[in-house]
Structures are given as C-alpha cells and as structure tokens.
C-alpha cells in the first residue's frame, strides 16, 4: 500500500501556496474529517484530505485539485503493475 507522509503532503502543497497556508489547510482538513493528527496517509486518506481542501475557491483549492489528480494517477499506476 502506498503511503504519503504528512510532511510530504504539506511540502507538495507548499510549492504553490507556501508552507504556512499548506500546513493550515492540511490541519484544517484533518480536523474536519475528525481524525487525530497523523504522520502518514494511505492513498484513500490522502484523497480525502485533498478533496476537502479542493473545495476552496482559491489557489489552495486549485493546488489541492491538482495534487489529488496526481495522487489518483500514481495509485492507478501502482495497482496496474501488480
């Protein structure tokens, strides 16, 4: 199973929106999902976090939509190789 670290998720978003905004967006999404703070996400959890952030109608939402597509494509490639 593919796993993405919290730091990696924040870092990928930070490339577009900056570290503080990325960290805040991810933390807020985790709270909205009712999860405890975690250090790693599986593919489904990553998509859930990004789906919540993607609802924003600003550059943060756009970045999350693009990252969600990338995460889904990467997972698709992993599952078709097996």
N, C-alpha and C. Protein backbone atom coordinates (compact mmCIF):
# COMPACT_ATOMS: atom_id res chain seq x y z
N UNK A 1 0.85 -1.19 0.00
CA UNK A 1 0.00 0.00 0.00
C UNK A 1 0.89 1.25 0.00
N UNK A 2 0.53 2.18 -0.82
CA UNK A 2 1.29 3.42 -0.93
C UNK A 2 0.96 4.35 0.24
N UNK A 3 1.98 4.96 0.82
CA UNK A 3 1.80 5.85 1.96
C UNK A 3 2.50 7.17 1.66
N UNK A 4 1.87 8.26 2.09
CA UNK A 4 2.43 9.59 1.92
C UNK A 4 2.57 10.23 3.29
N UNK A 5 3.73 10.79 3.57
CA UNK A 5 3.92 11.41 4.88
C UNK A 5 3.21 12.75 4.93
N UNK A 6 2.86 13.17 6.13
CA UNK A 6 2.26 14.49 6.35
C UNK A 6 3.19 15.57 5.81
N UNK A 7 4.47 15.45 6.11
CA UNK A 7 5.44 16.44 5.63
C UNK A 7 5.45 16.50 4.12
N UNK A 8 5.41 15.37 3.46
CA UNK A 8 5.42 15.33 2.01
C UNK A 8 4.17 16.00 1.42
N UNK A 9 3.03 15.72 2.01
CA UNK A 9 1.78 16.33 1.55
C UNK A 9 1.84 17.85 1.71
N UNK A 10 2.28 18.30 2.86
CA UNK A 10 2.40 19.75 3.11
C UNK A 10 3.43 20.35 2.16
N UNK A 11 4.56 19.68 1.98
CA UNK A 11 5.61 20.19 1.10
C UNK A 11 5.12 20.33 -0.34
N UNK A 12 4.36 19.35 -0.81
CA UNK A 12 3.85 19.41 -2.18
C UNK A 12 2.89 20.58 -2.35
N UNK A 13 2.02 20.81 -1.36
CA UNK A 13 1.11 21.95 -1.44
C UNK A 13 1.87 23.26 -1.29
N UNK A 14 2.90 23.25 -0.46
CA UNK A 14 3.67 24.47 -0.18
C UNK A 14 4.38 25.00 -1.42
N UNK A 15 4.67 24.12 -2.37
CA UNK A 15 5.30 24.57 -3.62
C UNK A 15 4.44 25.63 -4.31
N UNK A 16 3.13 25.56 -4.11
CA UNK A 16 2.22 26.50 -4.76
C UNK A 16 1.75 27.61 -3.82
N UNK A 17 1.43 27.25 -2.58
CA UNK A 17 0.76 28.22 -1.69
C UNK A 17 1.62 28.67 -0.50
N UNK A 18 2.79 28.10 -0.35
CA UNK A 18 3.63 28.44 0.80
C UNK A 18 3.39 27.49 1.96
N UNK A 19 4.38 27.39 2.82
CA UNK A 19 4.36 26.42 3.92
C UNK A 19 3.24 26.67 4.92
N UNK A 20 3.08 27.90 5.36
CA UNK A 20 2.08 28.19 6.40
C UNK A 20 0.66 27.90 5.92
N UNK A 21 0.34 28.32 4.72
CA UNK A 21 -1.01 28.08 4.19
C UNK A 21 -1.24 26.60 3.95
N UNK A 22 -0.23 25.91 3.42
CA UNK A 22 -0.36 24.47 3.17
C UNK A 22 -0.58 23.72 4.47
N UNK A 23 0.22 24.04 5.48
CA UNK A 23 0.09 23.37 6.78
C UNK A 23 -1.29 23.63 7.39
N UNK A 24 -1.75 24.86 7.31
CA UNK A 24 -3.06 25.21 7.86
C UNK A 24 -4.18 24.47 7.12
N UNK A 25 -4.09 24.40 5.80
CA UNK A 25 -5.11 23.72 5.01
C UNK A 25 -5.19 22.24 5.34
N UNK A 26 -4.03 21.59 5.44
CA UNK A 26 -4.00 20.16 5.76
C UNK A 26 -4.50 19.93 7.19
N UNK A 27 -4.05 20.72 8.14
CA UNK A 27 -4.51 20.57 9.53
C UNK A 27 -6.02 20.76 9.64
N UNK A 28 -6.55 21.76 8.94
CA UNK A 28 -7.99 22.01 8.97
C UNK A 28 -8.76 20.84 8.38
N UNK A 29 -8.28 20.30 7.27
CA UNK A 29 -8.95 19.15 6.63
C UNK A 29 -8.94 17.94 7.56
N UNK A 30 -7.82 17.70 8.22
CA UNK A 30 -7.73 16.57 9.16
C UNK A 30 -8.75 16.74 10.28
N UNK A 31 -8.87 17.95 10.81
CA UNK A 31 -9.85 18.21 11.87
C UNK A 31 -11.28 18.02 11.36
N UNK A 32 -11.57 18.47 10.14
CA UNK A 32 -12.91 18.32 9.58
C UNK A 32 -13.26 16.84 9.40
N UNK A 33 -12.27 16.02 9.12
CA UNK A 33 -12.50 14.59 8.99
C UNK A 33 -12.64 13.90 10.35
N UNK A 34 -12.34 14.63 11.42
CA UNK A 34 -12.44 14.07 12.76
C UNK A 34 -11.29 13.14 13.12
N UNK A 35 -10.20 13.29 12.42
CA UNK A 35 -9.04 12.44 12.67
C UNK A 35 -8.12 13.09 13.68
N UNK A 36 -7.36 12.24 14.37
CA UNK A 36 -6.26 12.72 15.19
C UNK A 36 -5.12 13.09 14.24
N UNK A 37 -4.26 13.98 14.66
CA UNK A 37 -3.10 14.35 13.85
C UNK A 37 -2.30 13.08 13.56
N UNK A 38 -1.92 12.90 12.33
CA UNK A 38 -1.17 11.71 11.96
C UNK A 38 0.04 12.09 11.12
N UNK A 39 0.98 11.20 11.04
CA UNK A 39 2.22 11.48 10.30
C UNK A 39 2.22 10.86 8.92
N UNK A 40 1.32 9.89 8.66
CA UNK A 40 1.27 9.24 7.35
C UNK A 40 -0.18 9.05 6.91
N UNK A 41 -0.36 9.06 5.58
CA UNK A 41 -1.68 8.86 5.00
C UNK A 41 -1.58 7.78 3.93
N UNK A 42 -2.55 6.88 3.89
CA UNK A 42 -2.60 5.98 2.75
C UNK A 42 -3.25 6.73 1.59
N UNK A 43 -3.37 6.09 0.45
CA UNK A 43 -3.86 6.76 -0.74
C UNK A 43 -5.28 7.29 -0.54
N UNK A 44 -6.15 6.50 0.04
CA UNK A 44 -7.54 6.93 0.26
C UNK A 44 -7.61 8.12 1.21
N UNK A 45 -6.81 8.09 2.26
CA UNK A 45 -6.80 9.20 3.21
C UNK A 45 -6.25 10.48 2.57
N UNK A 46 -5.22 10.32 1.74
CA UNK A 46 -4.66 11.47 1.04
C UNK A 46 -5.72 12.12 0.15
N UNK A 47 -6.46 11.30 -0.58
CA UNK A 47 -7.52 11.81 -1.46
C UNK A 47 -8.61 12.49 -0.62
N UNK A 48 -8.95 11.93 0.53
CA UNK A 48 -9.97 12.56 1.40
C UNK A 48 -9.52 13.95 1.85
N UNK A 49 -8.28 14.06 2.29
CA UNK A 49 -7.75 15.35 2.74
C UNK A 49 -7.76 16.35 1.59
N UNK A 50 -7.26 15.93 0.44
CA UNK A 50 -7.19 16.83 -0.71
C UNK A 50 -8.58 17.20 -1.23
N UNK A 51 -9.54 16.31 -1.12
CA UNK A 51 -10.90 16.60 -1.56
C UNK A 51 -11.51 17.73 -0.73
N UNK A 52 -11.26 17.71 0.56
CA UNK A 52 -11.76 18.79 1.43
C UNK A 52 -11.08 20.12 1.07
N UNK A 53 -9.78 20.08 0.92
CA UNK A 53 -9.05 21.32 0.59
C UNK A 53 -9.47 21.82 -0.79
N UNK A 54 -9.72 20.91 -1.71
CA UNK A 54 -10.06 21.27 -3.09
C UNK A 54 -11.37 22.05 -3.19
N UNK A 55 -12.18 22.03 -2.16
CA UNK A 55 -13.45 22.77 -2.17
C UNK A 55 -13.23 24.28 -2.05
N UNK A 56 -12.04 24.67 -1.64
CA UNK A 56 -11.73 26.10 -1.52
C UNK A 56 -11.66 26.71 -2.92
N UNK A 57 -12.16 27.91 -3.04
CA UNK A 57 -12.18 28.57 -4.34
C UNK A 57 -11.05 29.58 -4.49
N UNK A 58 -9.86 29.13 -4.12
CA UNK A 58 -8.69 29.99 -4.25
C UNK A 58 -7.53 29.12 -4.74
N UNK A 59 -6.34 29.67 -4.74
CA UNK A 59 -5.19 28.93 -5.24
C UNK A 59 -4.93 27.67 -4.42
N UNK A 60 -5.28 27.68 -3.14
CA UNK A 60 -5.11 26.49 -2.30
C UNK A 60 -5.99 25.36 -2.81
N UNK A 61 -7.23 25.69 -3.17
CA UNK A 61 -8.13 24.68 -3.72
C UNK A 61 -7.65 24.15 -5.06
N UNK A 62 -7.13 25.04 -5.88
CA UNK A 62 -6.60 24.61 -7.18
C UNK A 62 -5.41 23.67 -6.98
N UNK A 63 -4.51 24.03 -6.08
CA UNK A 63 -3.35 23.18 -5.80
C UNK A 63 -3.80 21.81 -5.30
N UNK A 64 -4.81 21.78 -4.44
CA UNK A 64 -5.30 20.50 -3.90
C UNK A 64 -5.94 19.66 -5.01
N UNK A 65 -6.67 20.29 -5.92
CA UNK A 65 -7.28 19.54 -7.01
C UNK A 65 -6.21 18.89 -7.90
N UNK A 66 -5.17 19.65 -8.18
CA UNK A 66 -4.08 19.10 -8.99
C UNK A 66 -3.34 17.97 -8.27
N UNK A 67 -3.08 18.16 -6.99
CA UNK A 67 -2.41 17.11 -6.21
C UNK A 67 -3.28 15.86 -6.09
N UNK A 68 -4.58 16.05 -5.97
CA UNK A 68 -5.49 14.90 -5.88
C UNK A 68 -5.43 14.09 -7.18
N UNK A 69 -5.42 14.77 -8.31
CA UNK A 69 -5.31 14.07 -9.59
C UNK A 69 -3.99 13.30 -9.66
N UNK A 70 -2.91 13.96 -9.25
CA UNK A 70 -1.60 13.29 -9.26
C UNK A 70 -1.60 12.06 -8.35
N UNK A 71 -2.22 12.18 -7.17
CA UNK A 71 -2.27 11.05 -6.22
C UNK A 71 -3.08 9.90 -6.81
N UNK A 72 -4.19 10.22 -7.45
CA UNK A 72 -5.04 9.18 -8.04
C UNK A 72 -4.32 8.48 -9.19
N UNK A 73 -3.62 9.24 -10.03
CA UNK A 73 -2.87 8.66 -11.15
C UNK A 73 -1.74 7.79 -10.64
N UNK A 74 -1.02 8.26 -9.63
CA UNK A 74 0.08 7.48 -9.07
C UNK A 74 -0.43 6.16 -8.49
N UNK A 75 -1.55 6.21 -7.80
CA UNK A 75 -2.12 4.98 -7.23
C UNK A 75 -2.56 4.05 -8.35
N UNK A 76 -3.15 4.60 -9.39
CA UNK A 76 -3.60 3.80 -10.52
C UNK A 76 -2.42 3.06 -11.15
N UNK A 77 -1.29 3.74 -11.29
CA UNK A 77 -0.10 3.12 -11.85
C UNK A 77 0.41 1.99 -10.96
N UNK A 78 0.36 2.21 -9.64
CA UNK A 78 0.81 1.17 -8.70
C UNK A 78 -0.07 -0.07 -8.78
N UNK A 79 -1.37 0.13 -8.89
CA UNK A 79 -2.27 -1.02 -8.88
C UNK A 79 -2.28 -1.77 -10.21
N UNK A 80 -1.95 -1.11 -11.31
CA UNK A 80 -1.93 -1.79 -12.60
C UNK A 80 -0.64 -2.57 -12.81
N UNK A 81 0.40 -2.27 -12.06
CA UNK A 81 1.67 -3.00 -12.16
C UNK A 81 1.60 -4.38 -11.52
N UNK A 82 0.69 -4.56 -10.60
CA UNK A 82 0.63 -5.81 -9.83
C UNK A 82 0.07 -6.94 -10.64
